[in-house]
Structures are given as C-alpha cells and as structure tokens.
Amino acid sequence: MGLGAVPGRQAAFREGLEQAVLYAKAL
C-alpha cells in the first residue's frame, strides 16, 4: 500500500513516481 518507506523497493518507488508525474502533467 505504497512503497516510499519500504526497504528494498526503492527502484519500484521511483518507477511509480515517474508514472505519477506523467499522469499529473497530463491531468
């Protein structure tokens, strides 16, 4: 339920952030 503080999931958090930024810009 989110990845920001989850050890070992830093790469996935950053990938998700990029997706969120893409959506935020489009919206």
mmCIF file of all heavy atoms, coordinates in Angstrom:
data_MODEL
# 
_entry.id   MODEL 
# 
loop_
_atom_site.group_PDB 
_atom_site.id 
_atom_site.type_symbol 
_atom_site.label_atom_id 
_atom_site.label_alt_id 
_atom_site.label_comp_id 
_atom_site.label_asym_id 
_atom_site.label_entity_id 
_atom_site.label_seq_id 
_atom_site.pdbx_PDB_ins_code 
_atom_site.Cartn_x 
_atom_site.Cartn_y 
_atom_site.Cartn_z 
_atom_site.occupancy 
_atom_site.B_iso_or_equiv 
_atom_site.pdbx_formal_charge 
_atom_site.auth_seq_id 
_atom_site.auth_comp_id 
_atom_site.auth_asym_id 
_atom_site.auth_atom_id 
_atom_site.pdbx_PDB_model_num 
ATOM 1   N N   . MET A 1 1  ? 0.850  -1.180 0.000   1.00 0.00 ? 1  MET A N   1 
ATOM 2   C CA  . MET A 1 1  ? 0.000  0.000  0.000   1.00 0.00 ? 1  MET A CA  1 
ATOM 3   C C   . MET A 1 1  ? 0.897  1.245  0.000   1.00 0.00 ? 1  MET A C   1 
ATOM 4   O O   . MET A 1 1  ? 0.932  2.020  0.931   1.00 0.00 ? 1  MET A O   1 
ATOM 5   C CB  . MET A 1 1  ? -0.926 -0.014 1.218   1.00 0.00 ? 1  MET A CB  1 
ATOM 6   C CG  . MET A 1 1  ? -1.938 1.122  1.261   1.00 0.00 ? 1  MET A CG  1 
ATOM 7   S SD  . MET A 1 1  ? -3.064 1.148  -0.124  1.00 0.00 ? 1  MET A SD  1 
ATOM 8   C CE  . MET A 1 1  ? -4.098 -0.265 0.295   1.00 0.00 ? 1  MET A CE  1 
ATOM 9   N N   . GLY A 1 2  ? 1.634  1.368  -1.092  1.00 0.00 ? 2  GLY A N   1 
ATOM 10  C CA  . GLY A 1 2  ? 2.649  2.411  -1.177  1.00 0.00 ? 2  GLY A CA  1 
ATOM 11  C C   . GLY A 1 2  ? 4.025  1.829  -0.926  1.00 0.00 ? 2  GLY A C   1 
ATOM 12  O O   . GLY A 1 2  ? 4.170  0.771  -0.293  1.00 0.00 ? 2  GLY A O   1 
ATOM 13  N N   . LEU A 1 3  ? 5.054  2.543  -1.412  1.00 0.00 ? 3  LEU A N   1 
ATOM 14  C CA  . LEU A 1 3  ? 6.404  1.983  -1.385  1.00 0.00 ? 3  LEU A CA  1 
ATOM 15  C C   . LEU A 1 3  ? 7.455  2.938  -0.824  1.00 0.00 ? 3  LEU A C   1 
ATOM 16  O O   . LEU A 1 3  ? 8.616  2.572  -0.719  1.00 0.00 ? 3  LEU A O   1 
ATOM 17  C CB  . LEU A 1 3  ? 6.819  1.584  -2.815  1.00 0.00 ? 3  LEU A CB  1 
ATOM 18  C CG  . LEU A 1 3  ? 5.921  0.564  -3.520  1.00 0.00 ? 3  LEU A CG  1 
ATOM 19  C CD1 . LEU A 1 3  ? 6.350  0.418  -4.981  1.00 0.00 ? 3  LEU A CD1 1 
ATOM 20  C CD2 . LEU A 1 3  ? 5.970  -0.781 -2.808  1.00 0.00 ? 3  LEU A CD2 1 
ATOM 21  N N   . GLY A 1 4  ? 7.059  4.152  -0.436  1.00 0.00 ? 4  GLY A N   1 
ATOM 22  C CA  . GLY A 1 4  ? 8.036  5.178  -0.108  1.00 0.00 ? 4  GLY A CA  1 
ATOM 23  C C   . GLY A 1 4  ? 9.005  4.820  0.999   1.00 0.00 ? 4  GLY A C   1 
ATOM 24  O O   . GLY A 1 4  ? 10.162 5.230  0.965   1.00 0.00 ? 4  GLY A O   1 
ATOM 25  N N   . ALA A 1 5  ? 8.549  4.071  1.998   1.00 0.00 ? 5  ALA A N   1 
ATOM 26  C CA  . ALA A 1 5  ? 9.402  3.740  3.137   1.00 0.00 ? 5  ALA A CA  1 
ATOM 27  C C   . ALA A 1 5  ? 9.752  2.260  3.205   1.00 0.00 ? 5  ALA A C   1 
ATOM 28  O O   . ALA A 1 5  ? 10.310 1.803  4.207   1.00 0.00 ? 5  ALA A O   1 
ATOM 29  C CB  . ALA A 1 5  ? 8.713  4.159  4.433   1.00 0.00 ? 5  ALA A CB  1 
ATOM 30  N N   . VAL A 1 6  ? 9.464  1.512  2.157   1.00 0.00 ? 6  VAL A N   1 
ATOM 31  C CA  . VAL A 1 6  ? 9.621  0.059  2.202   1.00 0.00 ? 6  VAL A CA  1 
ATOM 32  C C   . VAL A 1 6  ? 11.037 -0.339 1.766   1.00 0.00 ? 6  VAL A C   1 
ATOM 33  O O   . VAL A 1 6  ? 11.428 -0.100 0.616   1.00 0.00 ? 6  VAL A O   1 
ATOM 34  C CB  . VAL A 1 6  ? 8.580  -0.633 1.304   1.00 0.00 ? 6  VAL A CB  1 
ATOM 35  C CG1 . VAL A 1 6  ? 8.740  -2.150 1.377   1.00 0.00 ? 6  VAL A CG1 1 
ATOM 36  C CG2 . VAL A 1 6  ? 7.169  -0.224 1.713   1.00 0.00 ? 6  VAL A CG2 1 
ATOM 37  N N   . PRO A 1 7  ? 11.813 -0.938 2.649   1.00 0.00 ? 7  PRO A N   1 
ATOM 38  C CA  . PRO A 1 7  ? 13.175 -1.342 2.293   1.00 0.00 ? 7  PRO A CA  1 
ATOM 39  C C   . PRO A 1 7  ? 13.180 -2.322 1.119   1.00 0.00 ? 7  PRO A C   1 
ATOM 40  O O   . PRO A 1 7  ? 12.335 -3.226 1.029   1.00 0.00 ? 7  PRO A O   1 
ATOM 41  C CB  . PRO A 1 7  ? 13.687 -2.015 3.575   1.00 0.00 ? 7  PRO A CB  1 
ATOM 42  C CG  . PRO A 1 7  ? 12.872 -1.401 4.675   1.00 0.00 ? 7  PRO A CG  1 
ATOM 43  C CD  . PRO A 1 7  ? 11.510 -1.191 4.078   1.00 0.00 ? 7  PRO A CD  1 
ATOM 44  N N   . GLY A 1 8  ? 14.117 -2.127 0.222   1.00 0.00 ? 8  GLY A N   1 
ATOM 45  C CA  . GLY A 1 8  ? 14.264 -2.997 -0.932  1.00 0.00 ? 8  GLY A CA  1 
ATOM 46  C C   . GLY A 1 8  ? 13.359 -2.679 -2.096  1.00 0.00 ? 8  GLY A C   1 
ATOM 47  O O   . GLY A 1 8  ? 13.439 -3.322 -3.145  1.00 0.00 ? 8  GLY A O   1 
ATOM 48  N N   . ARG A 1 9  ? 12.498 -1.683 -1.946  1.00 0.00 ? 9  ARG A N   1 
ATOM 49  C CA  . ARG A 1 9  ? 11.554 -1.329 -3.011  1.00 0.00 ? 9  ARG A CA  1 
ATOM 50  C C   . ARG A 1 9  ? 11.804 0.071  -3.554  1.00 0.00 ? 9  ARG A C   1 
ATOM 51  O O   . ARG A 1 9  ? 10.948 0.687  -4.186  1.00 0.00 ? 9  ARG A O   1 
ATOM 52  C CB  . ARG A 1 9  ? 10.113 -1.442 -2.488  1.00 0.00 ? 9  ARG A CB  1 
ATOM 53  C CG  . ARG A 1 9  ? 9.716  -2.840 -2.080  1.00 0.00 ? 9  ARG A CG  1 
ATOM 54  C CD  . ARG A 1 9  ? 9.559  -3.747 -3.306  1.00 0.00 ? 9  ARG A CD  1 
ATOM 55  N NE  . ARG A 1 9  ? 8.228  -3.595 -3.893  1.00 0.00 ? 9  ARG A NE  1 
ATOM 56  C CZ  . ARG A 1 9  ? 7.950  -3.799 -5.174  1.00 0.00 ? 9  ARG A CZ  1 
ATOM 57  N NH1 . ARG A 1 9  ? 8.918  -4.103 -6.024  1.00 0.00 ? 9  ARG A NH1 1 
ATOM 58  N NH2 . ARG A 1 9  ? 6.713  -3.674 -5.622  1.00 0.00 ? 9  ARG A NH2 1 
ATOM 59  N N   . GLN A 1 10 ? 13.051 0.569  -3.364  1.00 0.00 ? 10 GLN A N   1 
ATOM 60  C CA  . GLN A 1 10 ? 13.360 1.926  -3.802  1.00 0.00 ? 10 GLN A CA  1 
ATOM 61  C C   . GLN A 1 10 ? 13.209 2.084  -5.311  1.00 0.00 ? 10 GLN A C   1 
ATOM 62  O O   . GLN A 1 10 ? 12.664 3.099  -5.785  1.00 0.00 ? 10 GLN A O   1 
ATOM 63  C CB  . GLN A 1 10 ? 14.791 2.317  -3.380  1.00 0.00 ? 10 GLN A CB  1 
ATOM 64  C CG  . GLN A 1 10 ? 14.950 2.537  -1.877  1.00 0.00 ? 10 GLN A CG  1 
ATOM 65  C CD  . GLN A 1 10 ? 15.388 1.285  -1.134  1.00 0.00 ? 10 GLN A CD  1 
ATOM 66  O OE1 . GLN A 1 10 ? 14.974 0.165  -1.482  1.00 0.00 ? 10 GLN A OE1 1 
ATOM 67  N NE2 . GLN A 1 10 ? 16.238 1.454  -0.127  1.00 0.00 ? 10 GLN A NE2 1 
ATOM 68  N N   . ALA A 1 11 ? 13.673 1.122  -6.082  1.00 0.00 ? 11 ALA A N   1 
ATOM 69  C CA  . ALA A 1 11 ? 13.586 1.236  -7.539  1.00 0.00 ? 11 ALA A CA  1 
ATOM 70  C C   . ALA A 1 11 ? 12.127 1.260  -7.991  1.00 0.00 ? 11 ALA A C   1 
ATOM 71  O O   . ALA A 1 11 ? 11.744 2.044  -8.874  1.00 0.00 ? 11 ALA A O   1 
ATOM 72  C CB  . ALA A 1 11 ? 14.336 0.087  -8.208  1.00 0.00 ? 11 ALA A CB  1 
ATOM 73  N N   . ALA A 1 12 ? 11.300 0.424  -7.371  1.00 0.00 ? 12 ALA A N   1 
ATOM 74  C CA  . ALA A 1 12 ? 9.884  0.399  -7.729  1.00 0.00 ? 12 ALA A CA  1 
ATOM 75  C C   . ALA A 1 12 ? 9.201  1.705  -7.337  1.00 0.00 ? 12 ALA A C   1 
ATOM 76  O O   . ALA A 1 12 ? 8.323  2.194  -8.063  1.00 0.00 ? 12 ALA A O   1 
ATOM 77  C CB  . ALA A 1 12 ? 9.200  -0.785 -7.053  1.00 0.00 ? 12 ALA A CB  1 
ATOM 78  N N   . PHE A 1 13 ? 9.583  2.278  -6.190  1.00 0.00 ? 13 PHE A N   1 
ATOM 79  C CA  . PHE A 1 13 ? 9.015  3.576  -5.807  1.00 0.00 ? 13 PHE A CA  1 
ATOM 80  C C   . PHE A 1 13 ? 9.343  4.628  -6.855  1.00 0.00 ? 13 PHE A C   1 
ATOM 81  O O   . PHE A 1 13 ? 8.472  5.413  -7.255  1.00 0.00 ? 13 PHE A O   1 
ATOM 82  C CB  . PHE A 1 13 ? 9.546  4.018  -4.445  1.00 0.00 ? 13 PHE A CB  1 
ATOM 83  C CG  . PHE A 1 13 ? 9.174  5.447  -4.107  1.00 0.00 ? 13 PHE A CG  1 
ATOM 84  C CD1 . PHE A 1 13 ? 7.911  5.741  -3.620  1.00 0.00 ? 13 PHE A CD1 1 
ATOM 85  C CD2 . PHE A 1 13 ? 10.078 6.480  -4.300  1.00 0.00 ? 13 PHE A CD2 1 
ATOM 86  C CE1 . PHE A 1 13 ? 7.552  7.060  -3.335  1.00 0.00 ? 13 PHE A CE1 1 
ATOM 87  C CE2 . PHE A 1 13 ? 9.730  7.793  -4.011  1.00 0.00 ? 13 PHE A CE2 1 
ATOM 88  C CZ  . PHE A 1 13 ? 8.474  8.083  -3.530  1.00 0.00 ? 13 PHE A CZ  1 
ATOM 89  N N   . ARG A 1 14 ? 10.572 4.641  -7.317  1.00 0.00 ? 14 ARG A N   1 
ATOM 90  C CA  . ARG A 1 14 ? 10.974 5.672  -8.283  1.00 0.00 ? 14 ARG A CA  1 
ATOM 91  C C   . ARG A 1 14 ? 10.300 5.464  -9.637  1.00 0.00 ? 14 ARG A C   1 
ATOM 92  O O   . ARG A 1 14 ? 9.938  6.433  -10.308 1.00 0.00 ? 14 ARG A O   1 
ATOM 93  C CB  . ARG A 1 14 ? 12.498 5.692  -8.401  1.00 0.00 ? 14 ARG A CB  1 
ATOM 94  C CG  . ARG A 1 14 ? 13.143 6.103  -7.084  1.00 0.00 ? 14 ARG A CG  1 
ATOM 95  C CD  . ARG A 1 14 ? 14.657 6.200  -7.137  1.00 0.00 ? 14 ARG A CD  1 
ATOM 96  N NE  . ARG A 1 14 ? 15.191 6.530  -5.811  1.00 0.00 ? 14 ARG A NE  1 
ATOM 97  C CZ  . ARG A 1 14 ? 16.388 7.027  -5.579  1.00 0.00 ? 14 ARG A CZ  1 
ATOM 98  N NH1 . ARG A 1 14 ? 17.212 7.252  -6.602  1.00 0.00 ? 14 ARG A NH1 1 
ATOM 99  N NH2 . ARG A 1 14 ? 16.775 7.321  -4.353  1.00 0.00 ? 14 ARG A NH2 1 
ATOM 100 N N   . GLU A 1 15 ? 10.098 4.206  -10.011 1.00 0.00 ? 15 GLU A N   1 
ATOM 101 C CA  . GLU A 1 15 ? 9.348  3.942  -11.248 1.00 0.00 ? 15 GLU A CA  1 
ATOM 102 C C   . GLU A 1 15 ? 7.906  4.423  -11.107 1.00 0.00 ? 15 GLU A C   1 
ATOM 103 O O   . GLU A 1 15 ? 7.342  5.035  -12.025 1.00 0.00 ? 15 GLU A O   1 
ATOM 104 C CB  . GLU A 1 15 ? 9.377  2.448  -11.564 1.00 0.00 ? 15 GLU A CB  1 
ATOM 105 C CG  . GLU A 1 15 ? 10.730 1.927  -11.998 1.00 0.00 ? 15 GLU A CG  1 
ATOM 106 C CD  . GLU A 1 15 ? 10.746 0.413  -12.144 1.00 0.00 ? 15 GLU A CD  1 
ATOM 107 O OE1 . GLU A 1 15 ? 9.645  -0.202 -12.061 1.00 0.00 ? 15 GLU A OE1 1 
ATOM 108 O OE2 . GLU A 1 15 ? 11.838 -0.159 -12.312 1.00 0.00 ? 15 GLU A OE2 1 
ATOM 109 N N   . GLY A 1 16 ? 7.311  4.153  -9.952  1.00 0.00 ? 16 GLY A N   1 
ATOM 110 C CA  . GLY A 1 16 ? 5.947  4.599  -9.712  1.00 0.00 ? 16 GLY A CA  1 
ATOM 111 C C   . GLY A 1 16 ? 5.843  6.117  -9.678  1.00 0.00 ? 16 GLY A C   1 
ATOM 112 O O   . GLY A 1 16 ? 4.854  6.700  -10.157 1.00 0.00 ? 16 GLY A O   1 
ATOM 113 N N   . LEU A 1 17 ? 6.850  6.755  -9.118  1.00 0.00 ? 17 LEU A N   1 
ATOM 114 C CA  . LEU A 1 17 ? 6.869  8.218  -9.096  1.00 0.00 ? 17 LEU A CA  1 
ATOM 115 C C   . LEU A 1 17 ? 6.885  8.784  -10.506 1.00 0.00 ? 17 LEU A C   1 
ATOM 116 O O   . LEU A 1 17 ? 6.152  9.741  -10.807 1.00 0.00 ? 17 LEU A O   1 
ATOM 117 C CB  . LEU A 1 17 ? 8.094  8.702  -8.312  1.00 0.00 ? 17 LEU A CB  1 
ATOM 118 C CG  . LEU A 1 17 ? 8.309  10.212 -8.281  1.00 0.00 ? 17 LEU A CG  1 
ATOM 119 C CD1 . LEU A 1 17 ? 7.186  10.904 -7.504  1.00 0.00 ? 17 LEU A CD1 1 
ATOM 120 C CD2 . LEU A 1 17 ? 9.670  10.541 -7.654  1.00 0.00 ? 17 LEU A CD2 1 
ATOM 121 N N   . GLU A 1 18 ? 7.684  8.190  -11.371 1.00 0.00 ? 18 GLU A N   1 
ATOM 122 C CA  . GLU A 1 18 ? 7.728  8.663  -12.759 1.00 0.00 ? 18 GLU A CA  1 
ATOM 123 C C   . GLU A 1 18 ? 6.356  8.513  -13.426 1.00 0.00 ? 18 GLU A C   1 
ATOM 124 O O   . GLU A 1 18 ? 5.919  9.399  -14.171 1.00 0.00 ? 18 GLU A O   1 
ATOM 125 C CB  . GLU A 1 18 ? 8.788  7.887  -13.550 1.00 0.00 ? 18 GLU A CB  1 
ATOM 126 C CG  . GLU A 1 18 ? 10.218 8.102  -13.075 1.00 0.00 ? 18 GLU A CG  1 
ATOM 127 C CD  . GLU A 1 18 ? 10.703 9.527  -13.288 1.00 0.00 ? 18 GLU A CD  1 
ATOM 128 O OE1 . GLU A 1 18 ? 10.145 10.225 -14.160 1.00 0.00 ? 18 GLU A OE1 1 
ATOM 129 O OE2 . GLU A 1 18 ? 11.635 9.947  -12.568 1.00 0.00 ? 18 GLU A OE2 1 
ATOM 130 N N   . GLN A 1 19 ? 5.672  7.404  -13.156 1.00 0.00 ? 19 GLN A N   1 
ATOM 131 C CA  . GLN A 1 19 ? 4.336  7.218  -13.715 1.00 0.00 ? 19 GLN A CA  1 
ATOM 132 C C   . GLN A 1 19 ? 3.371  8.263  -13.168 1.00 0.00 ? 19 GLN A C   1 
ATOM 133 O O   . GLN A 1 19 ? 2.559  8.841  -13.917 1.00 0.00 ? 19 GLN A O   1 
ATOM 134 C CB  . GLN A 1 19 ? 3.825  5.816  -13.404 1.00 0.00 ? 19 GLN A CB  1 
ATOM 135 C CG  . GLN A 1 19 ? 2.482  5.500  -14.060 1.00 0.00 ? 19 GLN A CG  1 
ATOM 136 C CD  . GLN A 1 19 ? 1.951  4.121  -13.699 1.00 0.00 ? 19 GLN A CD  1 
ATOM 137 O OE1 . GLN A 1 19 ? 2.351  3.537  -12.679 1.00 0.00 ? 19 GLN A OE1 1 
ATOM 138 N NE2 . GLN A 1 19 ? 1.075  3.582  -14.527 1.00 0.00 ? 19 GLN A NE2 1 
ATOM 139 N N   . ALA A 1 20 ? 3.446  8.525  -11.865 1.00 0.00 ? 20 ALA A N   1 
ATOM 140 C CA  . ALA A 1 20 ? 2.569  9.526  -11.265 1.00 0.00 ? 20 ALA A CA  1 
ATOM 141 C C   . ALA A 1 20 ? 2.825  10.912 -11.839 1.00 0.00 ? 20 ALA A C   1 
ATOM 142 O O   . ALA A 1 20 ? 1.881  11.677 -12.089 1.00 0.00 ? 20 ALA A O   1 
ATOM 143 C CB  . ALA A 1 20 ? 2.761  9.532  -9.748  1.00 0.00 ? 20 ALA A CB  1 
ATOM 144 N N   . VAL A 1 21 ? 4.085  11.246 -12.052 1.00 0.00 ? 21 VAL A N   1 
ATOM 145 C CA  . VAL A 1 21 ? 4.420  12.552 -12.631 1.00 0.00 ? 21 VAL A CA  1 
ATOM 146 C C   . VAL A 1 21 ? 3.871  12.660 -14.050 1.00 0.00 ? 21 VAL A C   1 
ATOM 147 O O   . VAL A 1 21 ? 3.328  13.700 -14.451 1.00 0.00 ? 21 VAL A O   1 
ATOM 148 C CB  . VAL A 1 21 ? 5.941  12.775 -12.603 1.00 0.00 ? 21 VAL A CB  1 
ATOM 149 C CG1 . VAL A 1 21 ? 6.335  13.978 -13.464 1.00 0.00 ? 21 VAL A CG1 1 
ATOM 150 C CG2 . VAL A 1 21 ? 6.420  12.977 -11.169 1.00 0.00 ? 21 VAL A CG2 1 
ATOM 151 N N   . LEU A 1 22 ? 3.982  11.579 -14.819 1.00 0.00 ? 22 LEU A N   1 
ATOM 152 C CA  . LEU A 1 22 ? 3.426  11.582 -16.175 1.00 0.00 ? 22 LEU A CA  1 
ATOM 153 C C   . LEU A 1 22 ? 1.933  11.878 -16.129 1.00 0.00 ? 22 LEU A C   1 
ATOM 154 O O   . LEU A 1 22 ? 1.427  12.709 -16.913 1.00 0.00 ? 22 LEU A O   1 
ATOM 155 C CB  . LEU A 1 22 ? 3.701  10.232 -16.832 1.00 0.00 ? 22 LEU A CB  1 
ATOM 156 C CG  . LEU A 1 22 ? 3.292  10.027 -18.287 1.00 0.00 ? 22 LEU A CG  1 
ATOM 157 C CD1 . LEU A 1 22 ? 4.204  8.997  -18.949 1.00 0.00 ? 22 LEU A CD1 1 
ATOM 158 C CD2 . LEU A 1 22 ? 1.833  9.567  -18.415 1.00 0.00 ? 22 LEU A CD2 1 
ATOM 159 N N   . TYR A 1 23 ? 1.214  11.205 -15.239 1.00 0.00 ? 23 TYR A N   1 
ATOM 160 C CA  . TYR A 1 23 ? -0.230 11.442 -15.114 1.00 0.00 ? 23 TYR A CA  1 
ATOM 161 C C   . TYR A 1 23 ? -0.517 12.856 -14.621 1.00 0.00 ? 23 TYR A C   1 
ATOM 162 O O   . TYR A 1 23 ? -1.422 13.535 -15.133 1.00 0.00 ? 23 TYR A O   1 
ATOM 163 C CB  . TYR A 1 23 ? -0.858 10.420 -14.172 1.00 0.00 ? 23 TYR A CB  1 
ATOM 164 C CG  . TYR A 1 23 ? -1.358 9.176  -14.872 1.00 0.00 ? 23 TYR A CG  1 
ATOM 165 C CD1 . TYR A 1 23 ? -0.474 8.203  -15.321 1.00 0.00 ? 23 TYR A CD1 1 
ATOM 166 C CD2 . TYR A 1 23 ? -2.716 8.974  -15.097 1.00 0.00 ? 23 TYR A CD2 1 
ATOM 167 C CE1 . TYR A 1 23 ? -0.927 7.060  -15.968 1.00 0.00 ? 23 TYR A CE1 1 
ATOM 168 C CE2 . TYR A 1 23 ? -3.181 7.837  -15.736 1.00 0.00 ? 23 TYR A CE2 1 
ATOM 169 C CZ  . TYR A 1 23 ? -2.287 6.886  -16.183 1.00 0.00 ? 23 TYR A CZ  1 
ATOM 170 O OH  . TYR A 1 23 ? -2.741 5.763  -16.832 1.00 0.00 ? 23 TYR A OH  1 
ATOM 171 N N   . ALA A 1 24 ? 0.220  13.311 -13.614 1.00 0.00 ? 24 ALA A N   1 
ATOM 172 C CA  . ALA A 1 24 ? -0.015 14.648 -13.073 1.00 0.00 ? 24 ALA A CA  1 
ATOM 173 C C   . ALA A 1 24 ? 0.157  15.717 -14.143 1.00 0.00 ? 24 ALA A C   1 
ATOM 174 O O   . ALA A 1 24 ? -0.642 16.657 -14.237 1.00 0.00 ? 24 ALA A O   1 
ATOM 175 C CB  . ALA A 1 24 ? 0.918  14.904 -11.893 1.00 0.00 ? 24 ALA A CB  1 
ATOM 176 N N   . LYS A 1 25 ? 1.173  15.578 -14.961 1.00 0.00 ? 25 LYS A N   1 
ATOM 177 C CA  . LYS A 1 25 ? 1.397  16.557 -16.025 1.00 0.00 ? 25 LYS A CA  1 
ATOM 178 C C   . LYS A 1 25 ? 0.265  16.523 -17.045 1.00 0.00 ? 25 LYS A C   1 
ATOM 179 O O   . LYS A 1 25 ? -0.243 17.571 -17.464 1.00 0.00 ? 25 LYS A O   1 
ATOM 180 C CB  . LYS A 1 25 ? 2.735  16.281 -16.709 1.00 0.00 ? 25 LYS A CB  1 
ATOM 181 C CG  . LYS A 1 25 ? 3.945  16.592 -15.840 1.00 0.00 ? 25 LYS A CG  1 
ATOM 182 C CD  . LYS A 1 25 ? 5.234  16.083 -16.461 1.00 0.00 ? 25 LYS A CD  1 
ATOM 183 C CE  . LYS A 1 25 ? 5.518  16.715 -17.812 1.00 0.00 ? 25 LYS A CE  1 
ATOM 184 N NZ  . LYS A 1 25 ? 6.797  16.224 -18.381 1.00 0.00 ? 25 LYS A NZ  1 
ATOM 185 N N   . ALA A 1 26 ? -0.160 15.323 -17.430 1.00 0.00 ? 26 ALA A N   1 
ATOM 186 C CA  . ALA A 1 26 ? -1.231 15.207 -18.419 1.00 0.00 ? 26 ALA A CA  1 
ATOM 187 C C   . ALA A 1 26 ? -2.552 15.732 -17.877 1.00 0.00 ? 26 ALA A C   1 
ATOM 188 O O   . ALA A 1 26 ? -3.370 16.283 -18.626 1.00 0.00 ? 26 ALA A O   1 
ATOM 189 C CB  . ALA A 1 26 ? -1.383 13.754 -18.856 1.00 0.00 ? 26 ALA A CB  1 
ATOM 190 N N   . LEU A 1 27 ? -2.767 15.581 -16.567 1.00 0.00 ? 27 LEU A N   1 
ATOM 191 C CA  . LEU A 1 27 ? -4.023 15.987 -15.940 1.00 0.00 ? 27 LEU A CA  1 
ATOM 192 C C   . LEU A 1 27 ? -3.997 17.422 -15.432 1.00 0.00 ? 27 LEU A C   1 
ATOM 193 O O   . LEU A 1 27 ? -5.031 17.928 -14.974 1.00 0.00 ? 27 LEU A O   1 
ATOM 194 C CB  . LEU A 1 27 ? -4.345 15.044 -14.776 1.00 0.00 ? 27 LEU A CB  1 
ATOM 195 C CG  . LEU A 1 27 ? -4.587 13.569 -15.124 1.00 0.00 ? 27 LEU A CG  1 
ATOM 196 C CD1 . LEU A 1 27 ? -4.662 12.735 -13.856 1.00 0.00 ? 27 LEU A CD1 1 
ATOM 197 C CD2 . LEU A 1 27 ? -5.856 13.415 -15.946 1.00 0.00 ? 27 LEU A CD2 1 
# 
